[in-house]
Amino acid sequence: GTKFRGAADSVLGTGVFNSDGEIWKLHRTMTRPFFTHDRIGHFEIFDRHADHAIALAKERFRAGLAVDFQVRAPSSWHFDIF
């Protein structure tokens, strides 16, 4: 809803997780092919990358540094999973 969208806009933008109505339908239609069993059946790869990303984020948080999830995670997950 509106409250969630306002709070999450800076993180999620206007993608499938932060939109409604026709925009949501457009994003859902575009992403549907990527969520078939063949494409998401490799959970051990995702799990390995998620554990690594969380460990790195924790290190940076403890050091008082910022965490930018856009730099490394999407590109490395893309090449290993797809």
N, C-alpha and C. Protein backbone atom coordinates (compact mmCIF):
# COMPACT_ATOMS: atom_id res chain seq x y z
N GLY A 1 0.81 -1.18 0.00
CA GLY A 1 0.00 0.00 0.00
C GLY A 1 0.85 1.25 0.00
N THR A 2 0.20 2.36 0.17
CA THR A 2 0.85 3.66 0.12
C THR A 2 1.92 3.82 1.19
N LYS A 3 1.63 3.39 2.42
CA LYS A 3 2.59 3.53 3.51
C LYS A 3 3.88 2.75 3.22
N PHE A 4 3.73 1.49 2.78
CA PHE A 4 4.90 0.67 2.45
C PHE A 4 5.66 1.28 1.28
N ARG A 5 4.95 1.69 0.25
CA ARG A 5 5.59 2.23 -0.95
C ARG A 5 6.43 3.45 -0.60
N GLY A 6 5.89 4.33 0.23
CA GLY A 6 6.64 5.52 0.63
C GLY A 6 7.91 5.18 1.39
N ALA A 7 7.82 4.20 2.28
CA ALA A 7 8.98 3.80 3.09
C ALA A 7 10.01 3.05 2.27
N ALA A 8 9.59 2.28 1.29
CA ALA A 8 10.50 1.42 0.54
C ALA A 8 10.93 2.00 -0.81
N ASP A 9 10.42 3.15 -1.18
CA ASP A 9 10.71 3.70 -2.50
C ASP A 9 12.19 3.88 -2.77
N SER A 10 12.95 4.37 -1.79
CA SER A 10 14.38 4.60 -2.03
C SER A 10 15.15 3.30 -2.20
N VAL A 11 14.62 2.20 -1.68
CA VAL A 11 15.30 0.91 -1.80
C VAL A 11 14.80 0.13 -3.01
N LEU A 12 13.48 0.09 -3.20
CA LEU A 12 12.89 -0.77 -4.23
C LEU A 12 12.51 -0.05 -5.51
N GLY A 13 12.47 1.26 -5.51
CA GLY A 13 12.08 2.00 -6.71
C GLY A 13 10.64 1.70 -7.09
N THR A 14 10.40 1.57 -8.38
CA THR A 14 9.03 1.32 -8.87
C THR A 14 8.91 -0.06 -9.50
N GLY A 15 9.67 -1.00 -9.01
CA GLY A 15 9.63 -2.36 -9.55
C GLY A 15 8.46 -3.17 -9.04
N VAL A 16 8.49 -4.46 -9.28
CA VAL A 16 7.39 -5.36 -8.96
C VAL A 16 7.05 -5.38 -7.48
N PHE A 17 8.02 -5.16 -6.59
CA PHE A 17 7.76 -5.22 -5.16
C PHE A 17 7.19 -3.93 -4.59
N ASN A 18 7.19 -2.87 -5.38
CA ASN A 18 6.77 -1.58 -4.85
C ASN A 18 5.79 -0.87 -5.80
N SER A 19 4.97 -1.63 -6.49
CA SER A 19 4.00 -1.03 -7.40
C SER A 19 2.68 -1.79 -7.33
N ASP A 20 1.66 -1.18 -7.86
CA ASP A 20 0.32 -1.78 -7.88
C ASP A 20 -0.29 -1.60 -9.26
N GLY A 21 -1.41 -2.25 -9.47
CA GLY A 21 -2.19 -2.04 -10.69
C GLY A 21 -1.48 -2.45 -11.96
N GLU A 22 -1.61 -1.62 -12.97
CA GLU A 22 -1.05 -1.93 -14.30
C GLU A 22 0.47 -2.00 -14.30
N ILE A 23 1.12 -1.14 -13.51
CA ILE A 23 2.59 -1.18 -13.43
C ILE A 23 3.03 -2.51 -12.83
N TRP A 24 2.34 -2.96 -11.77
CA TRP A 24 2.66 -4.25 -11.17
C TRP A 24 2.47 -5.37 -12.19
N LYS A 25 1.36 -5.35 -12.93
CA LYS A 25 1.11 -6.38 -13.94
C LYS A 25 2.21 -6.41 -14.99
N LEU A 26 2.65 -5.23 -15.42
CA LEU A 26 3.73 -5.16 -16.41
C LEU A 26 5.00 -5.80 -15.86
N HIS A 27 5.40 -5.41 -14.64
CA HIS A 27 6.61 -5.98 -14.04
C HIS A 27 6.47 -7.48 -13.83
N ARG A 28 5.32 -7.91 -13.36
CA ARG A 28 5.09 -9.34 -13.11
C ARG A 28 5.18 -10.14 -14.40
N THR A 29 4.60 -9.62 -15.47
CA THR A 29 4.66 -10.29 -16.77
C THR A 29 6.10 -10.39 -17.26
N MET A 30 6.88 -9.34 -17.05
CA MET A 30 8.27 -9.34 -17.51
C MET A 30 9.12 -10.30 -16.70
N THR A 31 8.84 -10.45 -15.41
CA THR A 31 9.69 -11.30 -14.56
C THR A 31 9.23 -12.74 -14.48
N ARG A 32 8.00 -13.03 -14.85
CA ARG A 32 7.46 -14.40 -14.73
C ARG A 32 8.38 -15.46 -15.35
N PRO A 33 8.95 -15.26 -16.53
CA PRO A 33 9.81 -16.32 -17.11
C PRO A 33 11.03 -16.67 -16.26
N PHE A 34 11.45 -15.77 -15.38
CA PHE A 34 12.64 -16.03 -14.57
C PHE A 34 12.34 -16.83 -13.31
N PHE A 35 11.07 -17.13 -13.07
CA PHE A 35 10.70 -17.85 -11.86
C PHE A 35 10.11 -19.21 -12.17
N THR A 36 10.68 -19.89 -13.14
CA THR A 36 10.30 -21.26 -13.43
C THR A 36 11.18 -22.17 -12.57
N HIS A 37 10.80 -23.43 -12.44
CA HIS A 37 11.57 -24.36 -11.60
C HIS A 37 13.01 -24.48 -12.08
N ASP A 38 13.23 -24.51 -13.39
CA ASP A 38 14.62 -24.63 -13.90
C ASP A 38 15.48 -23.45 -13.45
N ARG A 39 14.87 -22.26 -13.41
CA ARG A 39 15.63 -21.06 -13.10
C ARG A 39 15.86 -20.85 -11.61
N ILE A 40 14.96 -21.34 -10.77
CA ILE A 40 15.13 -21.10 -9.33
C ILE A 40 15.42 -22.39 -8.57
N GLY A 41 15.72 -23.45 -9.26
CA GLY A 41 15.97 -24.73 -8.62
C GLY A 41 17.36 -24.89 -8.04
N HIS A 42 18.21 -23.90 -8.18
CA HIS A 42 19.60 -23.99 -7.72
C HIS A 42 19.77 -23.20 -6.42
N PHE A 43 19.04 -23.61 -5.39
CA PHE A 43 19.05 -22.85 -4.15
C PHE A 43 20.39 -22.88 -3.44
N GLU A 44 21.17 -23.93 -3.64
CA GLU A 44 22.46 -23.98 -2.96
C GLU A 44 23.38 -22.85 -3.44
N ILE A 45 23.28 -22.47 -4.70
CA ILE A 45 24.08 -21.35 -5.22
C ILE A 45 23.60 -20.05 -4.59
N PHE A 46 22.29 -19.84 -4.59
CA PHE A 46 21.72 -18.65 -3.98
C PHE A 46 22.10 -18.58 -2.51
N ASP A 47 21.96 -19.69 -1.82
CA ASP A 47 22.25 -19.74 -0.39
C ASP A 47 23.71 -19.37 -0.12
N ARG A 48 24.62 -19.88 -0.93
CA ARG A 48 26.04 -19.57 -0.76
C ARG A 48 26.29 -18.07 -0.92
N HIS A 49 25.70 -17.47 -1.96
CA HIS A 49 25.89 -16.04 -2.19
C HIS A 49 25.20 -15.20 -1.12
N ALA A 50 24.02 -15.63 -0.67
CA ALA A 50 23.31 -14.89 0.37
C ALA A 50 24.10 -14.90 1.67
N ASP A 51 24.62 -16.06 2.05
CA ASP A 51 25.43 -16.15 3.27
C ASP A 51 26.67 -15.24 3.19
N HIS A 52 27.30 -15.24 2.04
CA HIS A 52 28.49 -14.41 1.84
C HIS A 52 28.12 -12.93 1.91
N ALA A 53 27.03 -12.54 1.25
CA ALA A 53 26.60 -11.14 1.25
C ALA A 53 26.23 -10.69 2.66
N ILE A 54 25.56 -11.54 3.41
CA ILE A 54 25.18 -11.18 4.78
C ILE A 54 26.41 -11.02 5.65
N ALA A 55 27.39 -11.92 5.50
CA ALA A 55 28.63 -11.81 6.28
C ALA A 55 29.37 -10.51 5.97
N LEU A 56 29.44 -10.16 4.68
CA LEU A 56 30.10 -8.90 4.30
C LEU A 56 29.35 -7.70 4.84
N ALA A 57 28.02 -7.72 4.77
CA ALA A 57 27.21 -6.61 5.28
C ALA A 57 27.43 -6.45 6.78
N LYS A 58 27.46 -7.56 7.52
CA LYS A 58 27.67 -7.49 8.97
C LYS A 58 29.04 -6.88 9.29
N GLU A 59 30.07 -7.26 8.54
CA GLU A 59 31.40 -6.69 8.76
C GLU A 59 31.37 -5.18 8.57
N ARG A 60 30.73 -4.74 7.49
CA ARG A 60 30.67 -3.31 7.20
C ARG A 60 29.84 -2.56 8.24
N PHE A 61 28.72 -3.16 8.67
CA PHE A 61 27.90 -2.52 9.71
C PHE A 61 28.69 -2.36 10.99
N ARG A 62 29.43 -3.41 11.38
CA ARG A 62 30.23 -3.35 12.61
C ARG A 62 31.31 -2.27 12.51
N ALA A 63 31.82 -2.06 11.29
CA ALA A 63 32.85 -1.04 11.08
C ALA A 63 32.25 0.35 10.89
N GLY A 64 30.92 0.45 10.91
CA GLY A 64 30.27 1.75 10.74
C GLY A 64 30.23 2.22 9.30
N LEU A 65 30.36 1.30 8.36
CA LEU A 65 30.37 1.65 6.94
C LEU A 65 29.01 1.38 6.30
N ALA A 66 28.77 2.03 5.18
CA ALA A 66 27.53 1.82 4.43
C ALA A 66 27.59 0.52 3.65
N VAL A 67 26.42 0.02 3.27
CA VAL A 67 26.33 -1.20 2.46
C VAL A 67 25.54 -0.86 1.19
N ASP A 68 26.13 -1.12 0.03
CA ASP A 68 25.48 -0.86 -1.25
C ASP A 68 25.18 -2.20 -1.90
N PHE A 69 23.93 -2.63 -1.86
CA PHE A 69 23.54 -3.93 -2.38
C PHE A 69 23.53 -4.00 -3.89
N GLN A 70 23.63 -2.87 -4.57
CA GLN A 70 23.57 -2.87 -6.03
C GLN A 70 24.90 -3.15 -6.70
N VAL A 71 25.99 -3.01 -5.99
CA VAL A 71 27.30 -3.11 -6.62
C VAL A 71 27.67 -4.54 -7.00
N ARG A 72 27.63 -5.48 -6.09
CA ARG A 72 28.16 -6.81 -6.34
C ARG A 72 27.07 -7.88 -6.50
N ALA A 73 26.09 -7.89 -5.62
CA ALA A 73 25.14 -9.00 -5.56
C ALA A 73 24.42 -9.30 -6.87
N PRO A 74 23.73 -8.36 -7.50
CA PRO A 74 22.97 -8.74 -8.70
C PRO A 74 23.82 -9.32 -9.82
N SER A 75 25.00 -8.76 -10.07
CA SER A 75 25.80 -9.28 -11.19
C SER A 75 26.35 -10.66 -10.88
N SER A 76 26.80 -10.91 -9.66
CA SER A 76 27.37 -12.23 -9.37
C SER A 76 26.28 -13.29 -9.31
N TRP A 77 25.09 -12.95 -8.80
CA TRP A 77 24.01 -13.93 -8.77
C TRP A 77 23.56 -14.25 -10.17
N HIS A 78 23.50 -13.26 -11.02
CA HIS A 78 23.02 -13.45 -12.39
C HIS A 78 23.88 -14.49 -13.12
N PHE A 79 25.18 -14.34 -13.06
CA PHE A 79 26.03 -15.23 -13.83
C PHE A 79 26.10 -16.65 -13.26
N ASP A 80 25.92 -16.81 -11.95
CA ASP A 80 25.95 -18.13 -11.36
C ASP A 80 24.61 -18.87 -11.50
N ILE A 81 23.50 -18.14 -11.41
CA ILE A 81 22.20 -18.81 -11.40
C ILE A 81 21.65 -19.00 -12.81
N PHE A 82 21.78 -17.99 -13.66
CA PHE A 82 21.16 -18.09 -14.99
C PHE A 82 22.18 -18.57 -15.96
